[in-house]
Structure formats: C-alpha cells, structure tokens
Amino acid sequence: MKEYLKNLRKIVGHMPILICGASVIAENSDGEILLILRSDNKCWAYPGGSVDINEVVEDAARRELLEETGLHAGSLELFGVFSGKELYYVYPHGDEISNVDIVYICKDFWGEPQADFIESDAVKFFSPDNLPGNISPPCVPALKKYIKLKSEENQC
C-alpha cells in the first residue's frame, strides 16, 4: 500500500474511502487477456492499483502492470472509466473502498509475464470466452464490457 493510503488509513481506519485506480487489460496477439491471481482475495483480476498523489494515470497503469506481472507497457488505449456500486469493495482485511477505475487496453507490451508473489500469486493469459469463474468483483463490469465488445467485433 502506498504511503498516502497508509497514512489515510491510520486516520479513517477501515471506513470507506474514494480511490482512483489505473488498470490494464493486456491483450496478446491471440486475443487472450492477461489476468493475475490476486494474493489478497485469491480471485483473478486484470493488473491495476491506486494512482499516487500527482501521478499521471497512464504512468500508474504502466507501473501497476510492471509491478504485478513483469510486463512493460507501450501504447495504452483508454477503454473506459468504471465507477458506482459495482466497484464498491471490502478487502479481506476489512478496508472499504469506492473505486473509480480508469481501464486501458494494451496490445503493445514486452517482457516475460511472472507473478510478483506480493500482489499476484499467478499470471496467466485467458481467452475472453473462457475466463475463470472467480473474478475479483471490482473487475467484473470492465470485463463484461470487454467481452461484449470482442463478441461484437467477431460478428462483423
């Protein structure tokens, strides 16, 4: 957890706080997307995390992808901004957040995908039509939109 959030949590405890997140749906040349098995809730998710104070959102997205998967991001395409009740989340340790997640699609990345064993226990590419059942709840809205988009692209 970033110093800002650590200090904020010292003041508010587990109370809900508003968080701005930056996330990446990394898509390989086979159309598969990279998911991480989160260390905290043991659910699959796209890489992402909170934006630091004064950090550019795109830089945060690239940083999170690198930290959690070992992959370097090139160009990022804004996919969407997700918020609302579906992104309200209570972590296993009790911290509550209302998340505004800025999600990018990245097809331009390099490196060898690997878990960091801090935030991610595994890293794996999945076909959008064959995602694991245990998706981290805050990722569900963006992944639903992504799957719908891919389905529509395949019908054309």
N, C-alpha and C. Protein backbone atom coordinates (compact mmCIF):
# COMPACT_ATOMS: atom_id res chain seq x y z
N MET A 1 0.85 -1.18 0.00
CA MET A 1 0.00 0.00 0.00
C MET A 1 0.90 1.24 0.00
N LYS A 2 0.52 2.21 -0.78
CA LYS A 2 1.28 3.45 -0.89
C LYS A 2 1.26 4.21 0.43
N GLU A 3 2.28 5.04 0.64
CA GLU A 3 2.38 5.81 1.89
C GLU A 3 1.15 6.67 2.13
N TYR A 4 0.64 7.32 1.07
CA TYR A 4 -0.54 8.16 1.21
C TYR A 4 -1.71 7.35 1.78
N LEU A 5 -1.94 6.18 1.19
CA LEU A 5 -3.06 5.35 1.67
C LEU A 5 -2.80 4.82 3.08
N LYS A 6 -1.57 4.48 3.37
CA LYS A 6 -1.24 4.02 4.73
C LYS A 6 -1.56 5.11 5.74
N ASN A 7 -1.15 6.33 5.43
CA ASN A 7 -1.40 7.45 6.35
C ASN A 7 -2.89 7.74 6.46
N LEU A 8 -3.60 7.68 5.35
CA LEU A 8 -5.04 7.91 5.37
C LEU A 8 -5.75 6.84 6.19
N ARG A 9 -5.33 5.60 6.03
CA ARG A 9 -5.94 4.50 6.80
C ARG A 9 -5.69 4.64 8.29
N LYS A 10 -4.56 5.24 8.68
CA LYS A 10 -4.30 5.49 10.11
C LYS A 10 -5.34 6.42 10.69
N ILE A 11 -5.85 7.31 9.86
CA ILE A 11 -6.84 8.29 10.32
C ILE A 11 -8.26 7.72 10.28
N VAL A 12 -8.62 7.07 9.15
CA VAL A 12 -10.01 6.64 8.96
C VAL A 12 -10.26 5.17 9.27
N GLY A 13 -9.20 4.43 9.54
CA GLY A 13 -9.37 3.00 9.80
C GLY A 13 -9.90 2.29 8.57
N HIS A 14 -10.91 1.43 8.77
CA HIS A 14 -11.46 0.65 7.66
C HIS A 14 -12.60 1.37 6.94
N MET A 15 -12.95 2.59 7.38
CA MET A 15 -14.06 3.32 6.76
C MET A 15 -13.88 3.42 5.24
N PRO A 16 -14.98 3.53 4.49
CA PRO A 16 -14.88 3.65 3.03
C PRO A 16 -14.14 4.92 2.62
N ILE A 17 -13.26 4.77 1.64
CA ILE A 17 -12.58 5.92 1.04
C ILE A 17 -12.72 5.82 -0.48
N LEU A 18 -12.67 6.96 -1.12
CA LEU A 18 -12.72 7.03 -2.57
C LEU A 18 -11.31 6.85 -3.11
N ILE A 19 -11.16 5.93 -4.05
CA ILE A 19 -9.86 5.62 -4.63
C ILE A 19 -9.94 5.79 -6.14
N CYS A 20 -8.90 6.36 -6.72
CA CYS A 20 -8.77 6.40 -8.18
C CYS A 20 -7.79 5.29 -8.56
N GLY A 21 -8.26 4.37 -9.40
CA GLY A 21 -7.42 3.26 -9.84
C GLY A 21 -7.03 3.40 -11.30
N ALA A 22 -5.93 2.78 -11.65
CA ALA A 22 -5.47 2.69 -13.04
C ALA A 22 -5.18 1.23 -13.32
N SER A 23 -5.79 0.71 -14.38
CA SER A 23 -5.70 -0.72 -14.67
C SER A 23 -5.43 -0.97 -16.14
N VAL A 24 -4.95 -2.19 -16.43
CA VAL A 24 -4.60 -2.55 -17.79
C VAL A 24 -5.16 -3.92 -18.13
N ILE A 25 -5.88 -3.97 -19.26
CA ILE A 25 -6.25 -5.24 -19.86
C ILE A 25 -5.24 -5.46 -20.98
N ALA A 26 -4.27 -6.33 -20.73
CA ALA A 26 -3.22 -6.62 -21.71
C ALA A 26 -3.70 -7.75 -22.61
N GLU A 27 -3.72 -7.49 -23.91
CA GLU A 27 -4.23 -8.46 -24.89
C GLU A 27 -3.09 -8.91 -25.79
N ASN A 28 -2.87 -10.22 -25.87
CA ASN A 28 -1.80 -10.73 -26.73
C ASN A 28 -2.29 -10.90 -28.17
N SER A 29 -1.39 -11.34 -29.05
CA SER A 29 -1.72 -11.45 -30.47
C SER A 29 -2.77 -12.52 -30.76
N ASP A 30 -3.02 -13.42 -29.82
CA ASP A 30 -4.06 -14.43 -29.97
C ASP A 30 -5.41 -13.95 -29.44
N GLY A 31 -5.46 -12.70 -28.98
CA GLY A 31 -6.70 -12.17 -28.44
C GLY A 31 -6.98 -12.58 -27.01
N GLU A 32 -6.00 -13.17 -26.35
CA GLU A 32 -6.16 -13.57 -24.94
C GLU A 32 -5.79 -12.38 -24.05
N ILE A 33 -6.37 -12.35 -22.86
CA ILE A 33 -6.07 -11.27 -21.92
C ILE A 33 -5.34 -11.82 -20.71
N LEU A 34 -4.47 -10.99 -20.18
CA LEU A 34 -3.66 -11.38 -19.03
C LEU A 34 -4.39 -11.07 -17.74
N LEU A 35 -4.51 -12.07 -16.89
CA LEU A 35 -5.09 -11.88 -15.56
C LEU A 35 -4.08 -12.33 -14.53
N ILE A 36 -4.19 -11.71 -13.36
CA ILE A 36 -3.36 -12.12 -12.23
C ILE A 36 -4.27 -12.77 -11.18
N LEU A 37 -3.71 -13.72 -10.46
CA LEU A 37 -4.40 -14.28 -9.31
C LEU A 37 -3.97 -13.43 -8.12
N ARG A 38 -4.90 -12.61 -7.63
CA ARG A 38 -4.57 -11.67 -6.56
C ARG A 38 -4.18 -12.42 -5.28
N SER A 39 -3.18 -11.91 -4.61
CA SER A 39 -2.72 -12.52 -3.36
C SER A 39 -3.69 -12.29 -2.21
N ASP A 40 -4.42 -11.16 -2.25
CA ASP A 40 -5.27 -10.83 -1.10
C ASP A 40 -6.60 -11.57 -1.08
N ASN A 41 -7.30 -11.62 -2.21
CA ASN A 41 -8.63 -12.26 -2.20
C ASN A 41 -8.69 -13.57 -2.98
N LYS A 42 -7.56 -13.98 -3.56
CA LYS A 42 -7.45 -15.24 -4.30
C LYS A 42 -8.42 -15.29 -5.48
N CYS A 43 -8.68 -14.13 -6.07
CA CYS A 43 -9.52 -14.03 -7.27
C CYS A 43 -8.66 -13.53 -8.43
N TRP A 44 -9.13 -13.81 -9.65
CA TRP A 44 -8.44 -13.35 -10.84
C TRP A 44 -8.86 -11.92 -11.16
N ALA A 45 -7.91 -11.12 -11.65
CA ALA A 45 -8.16 -9.72 -11.95
C ALA A 45 -7.19 -9.25 -13.02
N TYR A 46 -7.55 -8.18 -13.70
CA TYR A 46 -6.56 -7.54 -14.57
C TYR A 46 -5.65 -6.72 -13.66
N PRO A 47 -4.40 -6.49 -14.06
CA PRO A 47 -3.47 -5.72 -13.24
C PRO A 47 -3.94 -4.28 -13.06
N GLY A 48 -3.77 -3.77 -11.86
CA GLY A 48 -4.14 -2.39 -11.60
C GLY A 48 -3.98 -2.05 -10.13
N GLY A 49 -4.11 -0.78 -9.84
CA GLY A 49 -3.99 -0.33 -8.47
C GLY A 49 -4.23 1.16 -8.37
N SER A 50 -4.01 1.69 -7.20
CA SER A 50 -4.34 3.09 -6.95
C SER A 50 -3.29 4.02 -7.56
N VAL A 51 -3.79 5.17 -7.98
CA VAL A 51 -2.94 6.23 -8.52
C VAL A 51 -2.36 7.01 -7.35
N ASP A 52 -1.06 7.26 -7.39
CA ASP A 52 -0.40 8.03 -6.33
C ASP A 52 -0.72 9.52 -6.48
N ILE A 53 -0.53 10.26 -5.41
CA ILE A 53 -0.69 11.71 -5.45
C ILE A 53 0.21 12.28 -6.55
N ASN A 54 -0.35 13.12 -7.41
CA ASN A 54 0.34 13.81 -8.51
C ASN A 54 0.86 12.87 -9.60
N GLU A 55 0.46 11.62 -9.58
CA GLU A 55 0.91 10.67 -10.60
C GLU A 55 -0.01 10.77 -11.81
N VAL A 56 0.57 10.72 -13.00
CA VAL A 56 -0.20 10.68 -14.24
C VAL A 56 -0.84 9.29 -14.32
N VAL A 57 -2.12 9.24 -14.65
CA VAL A 57 -2.86 7.98 -14.63
C VAL A 57 -2.23 6.93 -15.55
N GLU A 58 -1.82 7.33 -16.75
CA GLU A 58 -1.18 6.38 -17.66
C GLU A 58 0.10 5.81 -17.06
N ASP A 59 0.85 6.65 -16.36
CA ASP A 59 2.07 6.17 -15.69
C ASP A 59 1.72 5.16 -14.60
N ALA A 60 0.65 5.42 -13.87
CA ALA A 60 0.21 4.47 -12.83
C ALA A 60 -0.18 3.14 -13.45
N ALA A 61 -0.89 3.18 -14.57
CA ALA A 61 -1.29 1.94 -15.24
C ALA A 61 -0.06 1.14 -15.66
N ARG A 62 0.92 1.82 -16.25
CA ARG A 62 2.15 1.14 -16.67
C ARG A 62 2.89 0.57 -15.46
N ARG A 63 2.96 1.36 -14.40
CA ARG A 63 3.65 0.93 -13.17
C ARG A 63 3.00 -0.32 -12.60
N GLU A 64 1.67 -0.31 -12.51
CA GLU A 64 0.95 -1.45 -11.94
C GLU A 64 1.14 -2.71 -12.79
N LEU A 65 1.09 -2.56 -14.11
CA LEU A 65 1.32 -3.71 -14.98
C LEU A 65 2.71 -4.30 -14.74
N LEU A 66 3.70 -3.44 -14.66
CA LEU A 66 5.07 -3.90 -14.43
C LEU A 66 5.22 -4.55 -13.06
N GLU A 67 4.72 -3.89 -12.02
CA GLU A 67 4.86 -4.42 -10.65
C GLU A 67 4.20 -5.79 -10.50
N GLU A 68 3.00 -5.95 -11.06
CA GLU A 68 2.22 -7.16 -10.81
C GLU A 68 2.50 -8.29 -11.79
N THR A 69 3.07 -7.96 -12.98
CA THR A 69 3.24 -9.01 -13.99
C THR A 69 4.64 -9.08 -14.59
N GLY A 70 5.47 -8.06 -14.38
CA GLY A 70 6.78 -8.03 -15.01
C GLY A 70 6.75 -7.55 -16.45
N LEU A 71 5.59 -7.14 -16.96
CA LEU A 71 5.47 -6.68 -18.34
C LEU A 71 5.58 -5.16 -18.42
N HIS A 72 6.24 -4.69 -19.46
CA HIS A 72 6.37 -3.27 -19.76
C HIS A 72 5.31 -2.90 -20.79
N ALA A 73 4.59 -1.81 -20.54
CA ALA A 73 3.55 -1.37 -21.46
C ALA A 73 4.08 -0.32 -22.40
N GLY A 74 3.72 -0.47 -23.68
CA GLY A 74 3.98 0.57 -24.67
C GLY A 74 2.76 1.46 -24.73
N SER A 75 2.12 1.51 -25.87
CA SER A 75 0.96 2.38 -26.02
C SER A 75 -0.24 1.81 -25.28
N LEU A 76 -1.01 2.72 -24.71
CA LEU A 76 -2.24 2.38 -23.98
C LEU A 76 -3.42 3.03 -24.68
N GLU A 77 -4.52 2.30 -24.75
CA GLU A 77 -5.76 2.83 -25.32
C GLU A 77 -6.79 2.89 -24.20
N LEU A 78 -7.35 4.08 -23.98
CA LEU A 78 -8.36 4.22 -22.94
C LEU A 78 -9.56 3.34 -23.29
N PHE A 79 -9.93 2.45 -22.40
CA PHE A 79 -11.07 1.57 -22.60
C PHE A 79 -12.32 2.12 -21.95
N GLY A 80 -12.17 2.62 -20.74
CA GLY A 80 -13.33 3.17 -20.05
C GLY A 80 -13.01 3.56 -18.62
N VAL A 81 -13.94 4.31 -18.05
CA VAL A 81 -13.87 4.71 -16.65
C VAL A 81 -15.06 4.04 -15.97
N PHE A 82 -14.77 3.26 -14.94
CA PHE A 82 -15.79 2.46 -14.27
C PHE A 82 -15.92 2.92 -12.82
N SER A 83 -17.16 3.05 -12.38
CA SER A 83 -17.42 3.52 -11.02
C SER A 83 -18.81 3.09 -10.61
N GLY A 84 -19.16 3.42 -9.39
CA GLY A 84 -20.51 3.11 -8.91
C GLY A 84 -20.52 1.96 -7.93
N LYS A 85 -21.71 1.51 -7.61
CA LYS A 85 -21.89 0.48 -6.58
C LYS A 85 -21.15 -0.81 -6.89
N GLU A 86 -21.03 -1.15 -8.18
CA GLU A 86 -20.34 -2.40 -8.54
C GLU A 86 -18.84 -2.36 -8.22
N LEU A 87 -18.30 -1.16 -8.05
CA LEU A 87 -16.88 -1.05 -7.74
C LEU A 87 -16.61 -0.76 -6.26
N TYR A 88 -17.67 -0.80 -5.46
CA TYR A 88 -17.50 -0.70 -4.00
C TYR A 88 -16.98 -2.06 -3.55
N TYR A 89 -15.95 -2.06 -2.71
CA TYR A 89 -15.33 -3.34 -2.35
C TYR A 89 -14.82 -3.29 -0.92
N VAL A 90 -14.95 -4.41 -0.25
CA VAL A 90 -14.39 -4.60 1.09
C VAL A 90 -13.30 -5.65 0.96
N TYR A 91 -12.08 -5.26 1.23
CA TYR A 91 -10.95 -6.19 1.16
C TYR A 91 -11.04 -7.22 2.29
N PRO A 92 -10.40 -8.37 2.12
CA PRO A 92 -10.44 -9.41 3.17
C PRO A 92 -10.01 -8.90 4.55
N HIS A 93 -9.11 -7.92 4.61
CA HIS A 93 -8.65 -7.40 5.90
C HIS A 93 -9.56 -6.30 6.45
N GLY A 94 -10.64 -5.95 5.71
CA GLY A 94 -11.64 -5.03 6.23
C GLY A 94 -11.66 -3.63 5.65
N ASP A 95 -10.60 -3.22 4.93
CA ASP A 95 -10.60 -1.90 4.32
C ASP A 95 -11.70 -1.81 3.27
N GLU A 96 -12.45 -0.69 3.29
CA GLU A 96 -13.53 -0.48 2.33
C GLU A 96 -13.14 0.63 1.36
N ILE A 97 -13.47 0.42 0.07
CA ILE A 97 -13.19 1.44 -0.94
C ILE A 97 -14.38 1.60 -1.88
N SER A 98 -14.50 2.81 -2.38
CA SER A 98 -15.36 3.10 -3.51
C SER A 98 -14.39 3.48 -4.62
N ASN A 99 -14.29 2.63 -5.63
CA ASN A 99 -13.25 2.77 -6.63
C ASN A 99 -13.75 3.43 -7.90
N VAL A 100 -12.95 4.34 -8.45
CA VAL A 100 -13.12 4.86 -9.79
C VAL A 100 -11.93 4.28 -10.56
N ASP A 101 -12.21 3.35 -11.46
CA ASP A 101 -11.14 2.62 -12.15
C ASP A 101 -11.04 3.08 -13.60
N ILE A 102 -9.89 3.60 -13.95
CA ILE A 102 -9.60 4.02 -15.32
C ILE A 102 -8.85 2.86 -15.97
N VAL A 103 -9.52 2.23 -16.94
CA VAL A 103 -9.01 0.98 -17.52
C VAL A 103 -8.52 1.23 -18.94
N TYR A 104 -7.33 0.72 -19.22
CA TYR A 104 -6.70 0.82 -20.53
C TYR A 104 -6.59 -0.56 -21.15
N ILE A 105 -6.58 -0.60 -22.48
CA ILE A 105 -6.23 -1.81 -23.21
C ILE A 105 -4.82 -1.61 -23.74
N CYS A 106 -4.02 -2.64 -23.59
CA CYS A 106 -2.63 -2.58 -24.07
C CYS A 106 -2.36 -3.83 -24.91
N LYS A 107 -2.01 -3.60 -26.18
CA LYS A 107 -1.61 -4.70 -27.07
C LYS A 107 -0.12 -4.62 -27.37
N ASP A 108 0.51 -3.60 -26.85
CA ASP A 108 1.92 -3.29 -27.10
C ASP A 108 2.68 -3.41 -25.77
N PHE A 109 3.11 -4.63 -25.48
CA PHE A 109 3.84 -4.86 -24.22
C PHE A 109 4.95 -5.86 -24.48
N TRP A 110 5.92 -5.88 -23.57
CA TRP A 110 7.04 -6.80 -23.70
C TRP A 110 7.51 -7.23 -22.33
N GLY A 111 8.27 -8.31 -22.34
CA GLY A 111 8.77 -8.88 -21.10
C GLY A 111 8.21 -10.28 -20.92
N GLU A 112 8.61 -10.91 -19.87
CA GLU A 112 8.15 -12.26 -19.55
C GLU A 112 7.16 -12.17 -18.41
N PRO A 113 5.88 -12.55 -18.65
CA PRO A 113 4.90 -12.43 -17.57
C PRO A 113 5.26 -13.35 -16.39
N GLN A 114 5.24 -12.76 -15.21
CA GLN A 114 5.55 -13.52 -14.00
C GLN A 114 4.88 -12.87 -12.79
N ALA A 115 4.45 -13.68 -11.87
CA ALA A 115 3.85 -13.17 -10.63
C ALA A 115 4.92 -12.52 -9.77
N ASP A 116 4.51 -11.52 -8.99
CA ASP A 116 5.46 -10.89 -8.07
C ASP A 116 5.43 -11.53 -6.69
N PHE A 117 4.42 -12.36 -6.42
CA PHE A 117 4.22 -13.05 -5.14
C PHE A 117 4.09 -12.09 -3.97
N ILE A 118 3.72 -10.85 -4.27
CA ILE A 118 3.35 -9.86 -3.27
C ILE A 118 1.88 -9.52 -3.48
N GLU A 119 1.59 -9.03 -4.69
CA GLU A 119 0.21 -8.71 -5.05
C GLU A 119 -0.41 -9.79 -5.94
N SER A 120 0.44 -10.55 -6.63
CA SER A 120 -0.06 -11.59 -7.53
C SER A 120 0.63 -12.93 -7.23
N ASP A 121 -0.19 -14.00 -7.21
CA ASP A 121 0.33 -15.34 -6.98
C ASP A 121 0.52 -16.12 -8.27
N ALA A 122 -0.15 -15.67 -9.34
CA ALA A 122 -0.04 -16.31 -10.64
C ALA A 122 -0.40 -15.29 -11.71
N VAL A 123 0.10 -15.53 -12.91
CA VAL A 123 -0.17 -14.69 -14.06
C VAL A 123 -0.46 -15.62 -15.23
N LYS A 124 -1.59 -15.37 -15.92
CA LYS A 124 -1.96 -16.30 -16.99
C LYS A 124 -2.81 -15.58 -18.03
N PHE A 125 -2.63 -15.96 -19.30
CA PHE A 125 -3.47 -15.45 -20.37
C PHE A 125 -4.71 -16.34 -20.50
N PHE A 126 -5.87 -15.69 -20.71
CA PHE A 126 -7.14 -16.39 -20.87
C PHE A 126 -7.85 -15.88 -22.11
N SER A 127 -8.56 -16.78 -22.78
CA SER A 127 -9.44 -16.38 -23.85
C SER A 127 -10.63 -15.64 -23.22
N PRO A 128 -11.08 -14.54 -23.82
CA PRO A 128 -12.22 -13.81 -23.24
C PRO A 128 -13.48 -14.65 -23.07
N ASP A 129 -13.62 -15.70 -23.89
CA ASP A 129 -14.80 -16.55 -23.75
C ASP A 129 -14.57 -17.74 -22.82
N ASN A 130 -13.44 -17.74 -22.13
CA ASN A 130 -13.12 -18.83 -21.21
C ASN A 130 -12.39 -18.29 -19.98
N LEU A 131 -12.96 -17.26 -19.36
CA LEU A 131 -12.34 -16.68 -18.17
C LEU A 131 -12.65 -17.55 -16.95
N PRO A 132 -11.79 -17.51 -15.95
CA PRO A 132 -12.06 -18.27 -14.73
C PRO A 132 -13.31 -17.75 -14.02
N GLY A 133 -13.92 -18.58 -13.20
CA GLY A 133 -15.15 -18.20 -12.51
C GLY A 133 -14.95 -17.23 -11.37
N ASN A 134 -13.81 -17.26 -10.75
CA ASN A 134 -13.58 -16.41 -9.58
C ASN A 134 -12.88 -15.12 -9.96
N ILE A 135 -13.63 -14.23 -10.61
CA ILE A 135 -13.12 -12.91 -10.99
C ILE A 135 -13.30 -11.97 -9.80
N SER A 136 -12.29 -11.16 -9.53
CA SER A 136 -12.38 -10.18 -8.46
C SER A 136 -13.54 -9.23 -8.75
N PRO A 137 -14.46 -9.05 -7.80
CA PRO A 137 -15.68 -8.29 -8.07
C PRO A 137 -15.50 -6.92 -8.71
N PRO A 138 -14.51 -6.09 -8.31
CA PRO A 138 -14.39 -4.78 -8.97
C PRO A 138 -14.01 -4.86 -10.44
N CYS A 139 -13.53 -6.00 -10.91
CA CYS A 139 -13.13 -6.15 -12.32
C CYS A 139 -14.28 -6.60 -13.21
N VAL A 140 -15.35 -7.07 -12.63
CA VAL A 140 -16.45 -7.65 -13.40
C VAL A 140 -17.05 -6.66 -14.40
N PRO A 141 -17.39 -5.41 -14.03
CA PRO A 141 -18.01 -4.51 -15.01
C PRO A 141 -17.15 -4.27 -16.25
N ALA A 142 -15.87 -4.02 -16.09
CA ALA A 142 -15.00 -3.77 -17.24
C ALA A 142 -14.84 -5.03 -18.08
N LEU A 143 -14.70 -6.18 -17.43
CA LEU A 143 -14.55 -7.42 -18.20
C LEU A 143 -15.82 -7.76 -18.97
N LYS A 144 -16.98 -7.48 -18.39
CA LYS A 144 -18.24 -7.70 -19.12
C LYS A 144 -18.29 -6.83 -20.37
N LYS A 145 -17.91 -5.57 -20.22
CA LYS A 145 -17.90 -4.65 -21.36
C LYS A 145 -16.88 -5.11 -22.41
N TYR A 146 -15.73 -5.56 -21.96
CA TYR A 146 -14.68 -6.03 -22.87
C TYR A 146 -15.16 -7.24 -23.65
N ILE A 147 -15.76 -8.20 -22.97
CA ILE A 147 -16.26 -9.42 -23.63
C ILE A 147 -17.34 -9.07 -24.65
N LYS A 148 -18.22 -8.15 -24.29
CA LYS A 148 -19.27 -7.72 -25.20
C LYS A 148 -18.65 -7.08 -26.44
N LEU A 149 -17.67 -6.23 -26.26
CA LEU A 149 -17.00 -5.57 -27.37
C LEU A 149 -16.35 -6.60 -28.28
N LYS A 150 -15.66 -7.57 -27.72
CA LYS A 150 -14.99 -8.60 -28.53
C LYS A 150 -16.01 -9.45 -29.27
N SER A 151 -17.11 -9.74 -28.63
CA SER A 151 -18.18 -10.51 -29.27
C SER A 151 -18.74 -9.76 -30.47
N GLU A 152 -18.96 -8.47 -30.31
CA GLU A 152 -19.48 -7.64 -31.41
C GLU A 152 -18.45 -7.54 -32.55
N GLU A 153 -17.18 -7.45 -32.21
CA GLU A 153 -16.13 -7.38 -33.23
C GLU A 153 -16.10 -8.68 -34.05
N ASN A 154 -16.29 -9.82 -33.38
CA ASN A 154 -16.24 -11.11 -34.05
C ASN A 154 -17.45 -11.34 -34.95
N GLN A 155 -18.56 -10.63 -34.68
CA GLN A 155 -19.76 -10.79 -35.50
C GLN A 155 -19.66 -10.01 -36.79
N CYS A 156 -18.76 -9.02 -36.84
CA CYS A 156 -18.63 -8.19 -38.05
C CYS A 156 -17.84 -8.86 -39.13
